[in-house]
Amino acid sequence: MTGGYNGSNAFVDGYVQLVQGSTVNSTIVQIDRDGLIGSATFRPFIQLDNNVAPQMMNNINNFVF
């Protein structure tokens, strides 16, 4: 992740969240540009389809920040 983020867990810091997409087998990765400290809101970044449920993705080891 670029944009000045220097932390180790963007989920805990409020920069990234996973939500269910249009089906139970899809995930939307959302990004908040200023995390917990700012007033920006989460915006969709990418939708992952074909049996990629949020529960499957909800593991910090799936990501490198």
PDB file of N, CA and C in Angstrom:
ATOM      1  N   MET A   1       0.851  -1.171   0.000  1.00  0.00           N
ATOM      2  CA  MET A   1       0.000   0.000   0.000  1.00  0.00           C
ATOM      3  C   MET A   1       0.893   1.229   0.000  1.00  0.00           C
ATOM      4  N   THR A   2       0.597   2.164  -0.847  1.00  0.00           N
ATOM      5  CA  THR A   2       1.372   3.391  -0.888  1.00  0.00           C
ATOM      6  C   THR A   2       0.550   4.536  -0.337  1.00  0.00           C
ATOM      7  N   GLY A   3       1.054   5.725  -0.478  1.00  0.00           N
ATOM      8  CA  GLY A   3       0.301   6.873   0.001  1.00  0.00           C
ATOM      9  C   GLY A   3       0.716   7.337   1.373  1.00  0.00           C
ATOM     10  N   GLY A   4       1.878   6.913   1.818  1.00  0.00           N
ATOM     11  CA  GLY A   4       2.372   7.385   3.094  1.00  0.00           C
ATOM     12  C   GLY A   4       2.055   6.508   4.280  1.00  0.00           C
ATOM     13  N   TYR A   5       1.382   5.391   4.088  1.00  0.00           N
ATOM     14  CA  TYR A   5       1.082   4.505   5.214  1.00  0.00           C
ATOM     15  C   TYR A   5       2.353   3.775   5.625  1.00  0.00           C
ATOM     16  N   ASN A   6       2.698   3.854   6.908  1.00  0.00           N
ATOM     17  CA  ASN A   6       3.902   3.216   7.412  1.00  0.00           C
ATOM     18  C   ASN A   6       3.626   2.208   8.520  1.00  0.00           C
ATOM     19  N   GLY A   7       2.369   1.921   8.767  1.00  0.00           N
ATOM     20  CA  GLY A   7       2.028   0.984   9.834  1.00  0.00           C
ATOM     21  C   GLY A   7       2.231  -0.455   9.425  1.00  0.00           C
ATOM     22  N   SER A   8       1.821  -1.366  10.280  1.00  0.00           N
ATOM     23  CA  SER A   8       1.982  -2.789   9.997  1.00  0.00           C
ATOM     24  C   SER A   8       0.655  -3.519   9.825  1.00  0.00           C
ATOM     25  N   ASN A   9      -0.465  -2.886  10.188  1.00  0.00           N
ATOM     26  CA  ASN A   9      -1.770  -3.524  10.038  1.00  0.00           C
ATOM     27  C   ASN A   9      -2.804  -2.470   9.650  1.00  0.00           C
ATOM     28  N   ALA A  10      -3.030  -2.321   8.367  1.00  0.00           N
ATOM     29  CA  ALA A  10      -3.948  -1.301   7.858  1.00  0.00           C
ATOM     30  C   ALA A  10      -5.396  -1.577   8.254  1.00  0.00           C
ATOM     31  N   PHE A  11      -5.719  -2.821   8.587  1.00  0.00           N
ATOM     32  CA  PHE A  11      -7.072  -3.141   9.052  1.00  0.00           C
ATOM     33  C   PHE A  11      -7.312  -2.528  10.426  1.00  0.00           C
ATOM     34  N   VAL A  12      -6.412  -2.786  11.348  1.00  0.00           N
ATOM     35  CA  VAL A  12      -6.535  -2.268  12.710  1.00  0.00           C
ATOM     36  C   VAL A  12      -6.454  -0.746  12.720  1.00  0.00           C
ATOM     37  N   ASP A  13      -5.624  -0.185  11.862  1.00  0.00           N
ATOM     38  CA  ASP A  13      -5.444   1.266  11.804  1.00  0.00           C
ATOM     39  C   ASP A  13      -6.575   1.978  11.057  1.00  0.00           C
ATOM     40  N   GLY A  14      -7.534   1.227  10.514  1.00  0.00           N
ATOM     41  CA  GLY A  14      -8.705   1.825   9.885  1.00  0.00           C
ATOM     42  C   GLY A  14      -8.499   2.309   8.467  1.00  0.00           C
ATOM     43  N   TYR A  15      -7.504   1.789   7.760  1.00  0.00           N
ATOM     44  CA  TYR A  15      -7.262   2.184   6.374  1.00  0.00           C
ATOM     45  C   TYR A  15      -7.883   1.235   5.362  1.00  0.00           C
ATOM     46  N   VAL A  16      -8.089  -0.015   5.747  1.00  0.00           N
ATOM     47  CA  VAL A  16      -8.627  -1.031   4.844  1.00  0.00           C
ATOM     48  C   VAL A  16      -9.713  -1.810   5.571  1.00  0.00           C
ATOM     49  N   GLN A  17     -10.785  -2.126   4.825  1.00  0.00           N
ATOM     50  CA  GLN A  17     -11.803  -3.021   5.359  1.00  0.00           C
ATOM     51  C   GLN A  17     -12.321  -3.889   4.222  1.00  0.00           C
ATOM     52  N   LEU A  18     -12.866  -5.038   4.586  1.00  0.00           N
ATOM     53  CA  LEU A  18     -13.437  -5.964   3.621  1.00  0.00           C
ATOM     54  C   LEU A  18     -14.926  -6.048   3.864  1.00  0.00           C
ATOM     55  N   VAL A  19     -15.706  -5.937   2.793  1.00  0.00           N
ATOM     56  CA  VAL A  19     -17.157  -6.061   2.901  1.00  0.00           C
ATOM     57  C   VAL A  19     -17.644  -7.021   1.831  1.00  0.00           C
ATOM     58  N   GLN A  20     -18.795  -7.599   2.084  1.00  0.00           N
ATOM     59  CA  GLN A  20     -19.367  -8.526   1.117  1.00  0.00           C
ATOM     60  C   GLN A  20     -19.741  -7.768  -0.148  1.00  0.00           C
ATOM     61  N   GLY A  21     -19.440  -8.378  -1.284  1.00  0.00           N
ATOM     62  CA  GLY A  21     -19.787  -7.790  -2.575  1.00  0.00           C
ATOM     63  C   GLY A  21     -21.231  -8.086  -2.944  1.00  0.00           C
ATOM     64  N   SER A  22     -21.490  -8.138  -4.233  1.00  0.00           N
ATOM     65  CA  SER A  22     -22.849  -8.330  -4.722  1.00  0.00           C
ATOM     66  C   SER A  22     -23.381  -9.745  -4.479  1.00  0.00           C
ATOM     67  N   THR A  23     -22.482 -10.694  -4.185  1.00  0.00           N
ATOM     68  CA  THR A  23     -22.887 -12.058  -3.835  1.00  0.00           C
ATOM     69  C   THR A  23     -22.119 -12.479  -2.577  1.00  0.00           C
ATOM     70  N   VAL A  24     -22.522 -13.591  -1.988  1.00  0.00           N
ATOM     71  CA  VAL A  24     -21.825 -14.067  -0.789  1.00  0.00           C
ATOM     72  C   VAL A  24     -20.429 -14.569  -1.112  1.00  0.00           C
ATOM     73  N   ASN A  25     -20.139 -14.782  -2.380  1.00  0.00           N
ATOM     74  CA  ASN A  25     -18.823 -15.267  -2.802  1.00  0.00           C
ATOM     75  C   ASN A  25     -17.973 -14.177  -3.425  1.00  0.00           C
ATOM     76  N   SER A  26     -18.208 -12.944  -3.044  1.00  0.00           N
ATOM     77  CA  SER A  26     -17.383 -11.843  -3.540  1.00  0.00           C
ATOM     78  C   SER A  26     -17.048 -10.901  -2.386  1.00  0.00           C
ATOM     79  N   THR A  27     -15.933 -10.233  -2.518  1.00  0.00           N
ATOM     80  CA  THR A  27     -15.452  -9.321  -1.492  1.00  0.00           C
ATOM     81  C   THR A  27     -15.078  -7.995  -2.126  1.00  0.00           C
ATOM     82  N   ILE A  28     -15.454  -6.909  -1.489  1.00  0.00           N
ATOM     83  CA  ILE A  28     -15.021  -5.581  -1.917  1.00  0.00           C
ATOM     84  C   ILE A  28     -13.978  -5.105  -0.912  1.00  0.00           C
ATOM     85  N   VAL A  29     -12.804  -4.765  -1.417  1.00  0.00           N
ATOM     86  CA  VAL A  29     -11.760  -4.174  -0.595  1.00  0.00           C
ATOM     87  C   VAL A  29     -11.995  -2.673  -0.622  1.00  0.00           C
ATOM     88  N   GLN A  30     -12.193  -2.080   0.551  1.00  0.00           N
ATOM     89  CA  GLN A  30     -12.418  -0.643   0.654  1.00  0.00           C
ATOM     90  C   GLN A  30     -11.238   0.019   1.350  1.00  0.00           C
ATOM     91  N   ILE A  31     -10.938   1.239   0.935  1.00  0.00           N
ATOM     92  CA  ILE A  31      -9.809   1.979   1.491  1.00  0.00           C
ATOM     93  C   ILE A  31     -10.277   3.329   2.015  1.00  0.00           C
ATOM     94  N   ASP A  32      -9.787   3.684   3.202  1.00  0.00           N
ATOM     95  CA  ASP A  32     -10.014   4.996   3.801  1.00  0.00           C
ATOM     96  C   ASP A  32      -8.659   5.699   3.816  1.00  0.00           C
ATOM     97  N   ARG A  33      -8.532   6.759   3.079  1.00  0.00           N
ATOM     98  CA  ARG A  33      -7.219   7.386   2.861  1.00  0.00           C
ATOM     99  C   ARG A  33      -6.570   7.963   4.112  1.00  0.00           C
ATOM    100  N   ASP A  34      -7.348   8.253   5.157  1.00  0.00           N
ATOM    101  CA  ASP A  34      -6.729   8.817   6.359  1.00  0.00           C
ATOM    102  C   ASP A  34      -6.991   7.988   7.618  1.00  0.00           C
ATOM    103  N   GLY A  35      -7.465   6.786   7.459  1.00  0.00           N
ATOM    104  CA  GLY A  35      -7.631   5.874   8.588  1.00  0.00           C
ATOM    105  C   GLY A  35      -8.527   6.407   9.686  1.00  0.00           C
ATOM    106  N   LEU A  36      -8.246   5.975  10.897  1.00  0.00           N
ATOM    107  CA  LEU A  36      -9.075   6.337  12.042  1.00  0.00           C
ATOM    108  C   LEU A  36      -8.962   7.801  12.435  1.00  0.00           C
ATOM    109  N   ILE A  37      -7.883   8.472  12.015  1.00  0.00           N
ATOM    110  CA  ILE A  37      -7.636   9.823  12.505  1.00  0.00           C
ATOM    111  C   ILE A  37      -8.319  10.917  11.705  1.00  0.00           C
ATOM    112  N   GLY A  38      -8.826  10.617  10.531  1.00  0.00           N
ATOM    113  CA  GLY A  38      -9.379  11.666   9.678  1.00  0.00           C
ATOM    114  C   GLY A  38     -10.872  11.553   9.469  1.00  0.00           C
ATOM    115  N   SER A  39     -11.392  12.415   8.624  1.00  0.00           N
ATOM    116  CA  SER A  39     -12.827  12.446   8.367  1.00  0.00           C
ATOM    117  C   SER A  39     -13.218  11.783   7.049  1.00  0.00           C
ATOM    118  N   ALA A  40     -12.239  11.271   6.301  1.00  0.00           N
ATOM    119  CA  ALA A  40     -12.547  10.588   5.046  1.00  0.00           C
ATOM    120  C   ALA A  40     -13.314   9.300   5.336  1.00  0.00           C
ATOM    121  N   THR A  41     -14.034   8.810   4.350  1.00  0.00           N
ATOM    122  CA  THR A  41     -14.803   7.576   4.504  1.00  0.00           C
ATOM    123  C   THR A  41     -14.226   6.485   3.607  1.00  0.00           C
ATOM    124  N   PHE A  42     -14.613   5.255   3.895  1.00  0.00           N
ATOM    125  CA  PHE A  42     -14.173   4.136   3.070  1.00  0.00           C
ATOM    126  C   PHE A  42     -14.771   4.246   1.676  1.00  0.00           C
ATOM    127  N   ARG A  43     -13.949   3.944   0.686  1.00  0.00           N
ATOM    128  CA  ARG A  43     -14.378   3.929  -0.711  1.00  0.00           C
ATOM    129  C   ARG A  43     -13.955   2.610  -1.339  1.00  0.00           C
ATOM    130  N   PRO A  44     -14.783   2.076  -2.237  1.00  0.00           N
ATOM    131  CA  PRO A  44     -14.427   0.809  -2.890  1.00  0.00           C
ATOM    132  C   PRO A  44     -13.133   0.942  -3.685  1.00  0.00           C
ATOM    133  N   PHE A  45     -12.275  -0.065  -3.577  1.00  0.00           N
ATOM    134  CA  PHE A  45     -11.022  -0.106  -4.316  1.00  0.00           C
ATOM    135  C   PHE A  45     -11.085  -1.176  -5.401  1.00  0.00           C
ATOM    136  N   ILE A  46     -11.479  -2.389  -5.012  1.00  0.00           N
ATOM    137  CA  ILE A  46     -11.557  -3.491  -5.965  1.00  0.00           C
ATOM    138  C   ILE A  46     -12.541  -4.523  -5.446  1.00  0.00           C
ATOM    139  N   GLN A  47     -13.233  -5.195  -6.376  1.00  0.00           N
ATOM    140  CA  GLN A  47     -14.116  -6.297  -5.998  1.00  0.00           C
ATOM    141  C   GLN A  47     -13.493  -7.595  -6.473  1.00  0.00           C
ATOM    142  N   LEU A  48     -13.423  -8.564  -5.567  1.00  0.00           N
ATOM    143  CA  LEU A  48     -12.884  -9.880  -5.867  1.00  0.00           C
ATOM    144  C   LEU A  48     -14.041 -10.864  -5.965  1.00  0.00           C
ATOM    145  N   ASP A  49     -14.149 -11.562  -7.090  1.00  0.00           N
ATOM    146  CA  ASP A  49     -15.259 -12.487  -7.331  1.00  0.00           C
ATOM    147  C   ASP A  49     -14.763 -13.925  -7.384  1.00  0.00           C
ATOM    148  N   ASN A  50     -15.698 -14.827  -7.620  1.00  0.00           N
ATOM    149  CA  ASN A  50     -15.424 -16.255  -7.809  1.00  0.00           C
ATOM    150  C   ASN A  50     -14.918 -16.921  -6.532  1.00  0.00           C
ATOM    151  N   ASN A  51     -15.818 -17.037  -5.561  1.00  0.00           N
ATOM    152  CA  ASN A  51     -15.539 -17.744  -4.306  1.00  0.00           C
ATOM    153  C   ASN A  51     -14.480 -17.070  -3.450  1.00  0.00           C
ATOM    154  N   VAL A  52     -14.530 -15.748  -3.375  1.00  0.00           N
ATOM    155  CA  VAL A  52     -13.632 -14.996  -2.507  1.00  0.00           C
ATOM    156  C   VAL A  52     -14.505 -14.243  -1.501  1.00  0.00           C
ATOM    157  N   ALA A  53     -14.957 -14.953  -0.475  1.00  0.00           N
ATOM    158  CA  ALA A  53     -15.809 -14.355   0.549  1.00  0.00           C
ATOM    159  C   ALA A  53     -14.960 -13.548   1.526  1.00  0.00           C
ATOM    160  N   PRO A  54     -15.537 -12.505   2.140  1.00  0.00           N
ATOM    161  CA  PRO A  54     -14.782 -11.700   3.104  1.00  0.00           C
ATOM    162  C   PRO A  54     -14.155 -12.538   4.217  1.00  0.00           C
ATOM    163  N   GLN A  55     -14.829 -13.589   4.659  1.00  0.00           N
ATOM    164  CA  GLN A  55     -14.296 -14.420   5.729  1.00  0.00           C
ATOM    165  C   GLN A  55     -12.993 -15.105   5.301  1.00  0.00           C
ATOM    166  N   MET A  56     -12.870 -15.445   4.029  1.00  0.00           N
ATOM    167  CA  MET A  56     -11.658 -16.078   3.521  1.00  0.00           C
ATOM    168  C   MET A  56     -10.511 -15.079   3.446  1.00  0.00           C
ATOM    169  N   MET A  57     -10.819 -13.819   3.198  1.00  0.00           N
ATOM    170  CA  MET A  57      -9.798 -12.788   3.029  1.00  0.00           C
ATOM    171  C   MET A  57      -9.403 -12.139   4.343  1.00  0.00           C
ATOM    172  N   ASN A  58     -10.219 -12.306   5.378  1.00  0.00           N
ATOM    173  CA  ASN A  58     -10.015 -11.603   6.637  1.00  0.00           C
ATOM    174  C   ASN A  58      -8.862 -12.214   7.442  1.00  0.00           C
ATOM    175  N   ASN A  59      -7.667 -12.101   6.886  1.00  0.00           N
ATOM    176  CA  ASN A  59      -6.457 -12.609   7.533  1.00  0.00           C
ATOM    177  C   ASN A  59      -5.323 -11.672   7.148  1.00  0.00           C
ATOM    178  N   ILE A  60      -4.711 -11.051   8.131  1.00  0.00           N
ATOM    179  CA  ILE A  60      -3.652 -10.072   7.868  1.00  0.00           C
ATOM    180  C   ILE A  60      -2.513 -10.672   7.048  1.00  0.00           C
ATOM    181  N   ASN A  61      -2.329 -11.986   7.119  1.00  0.00           N
ATOM    182  CA  ASN A  61      -1.254 -12.634   6.362  1.00  0.00           C
ATOM    183  C   ASN A  61      -1.524 -12.691   4.867  1.00  0.00           C
ATOM    184  N   ASN A  62      -2.747 -12.350   4.446  1.00  0.00           N
ATOM    185  CA  ASN A  62      -3.064 -12.283   3.023  1.00  0.00           C
ATOM    186  C   ASN A  62      -2.591 -10.985   2.379  1.00  0.00           C
ATOM    187  N   PHE A  63      -2.077 -10.050   3.185  1.00  0.00           N
ATOM    188  CA  PHE A  63      -1.735  -8.724   2.704  1.00  0.00           C
ATOM    189  C   PHE A  63      -0.331  -8.311   3.122  1.00  0.00           C
ATOM    190  N   VAL A  64       0.271  -7.462   2.318  1.00  0.00           N
ATOM    191  CA  VAL A  64       1.570  -6.873   2.653  1.00  0.00           C
ATOM    192  C   VAL A  64       1.377  -5.378   2.614  1.00  0.00           C
ATOM    193  N   PHE A  65       1.715  -4.714   3.704  1.00  0.00           N
ATOM    194  CA  PHE A  65       1.562  -3.261   3.785  1.00  0.00           C
ATOM    195  C   PHE A  65       2.922  -2.629   3.931  1.00  0.00           C
TER     196      PHE A  65
END
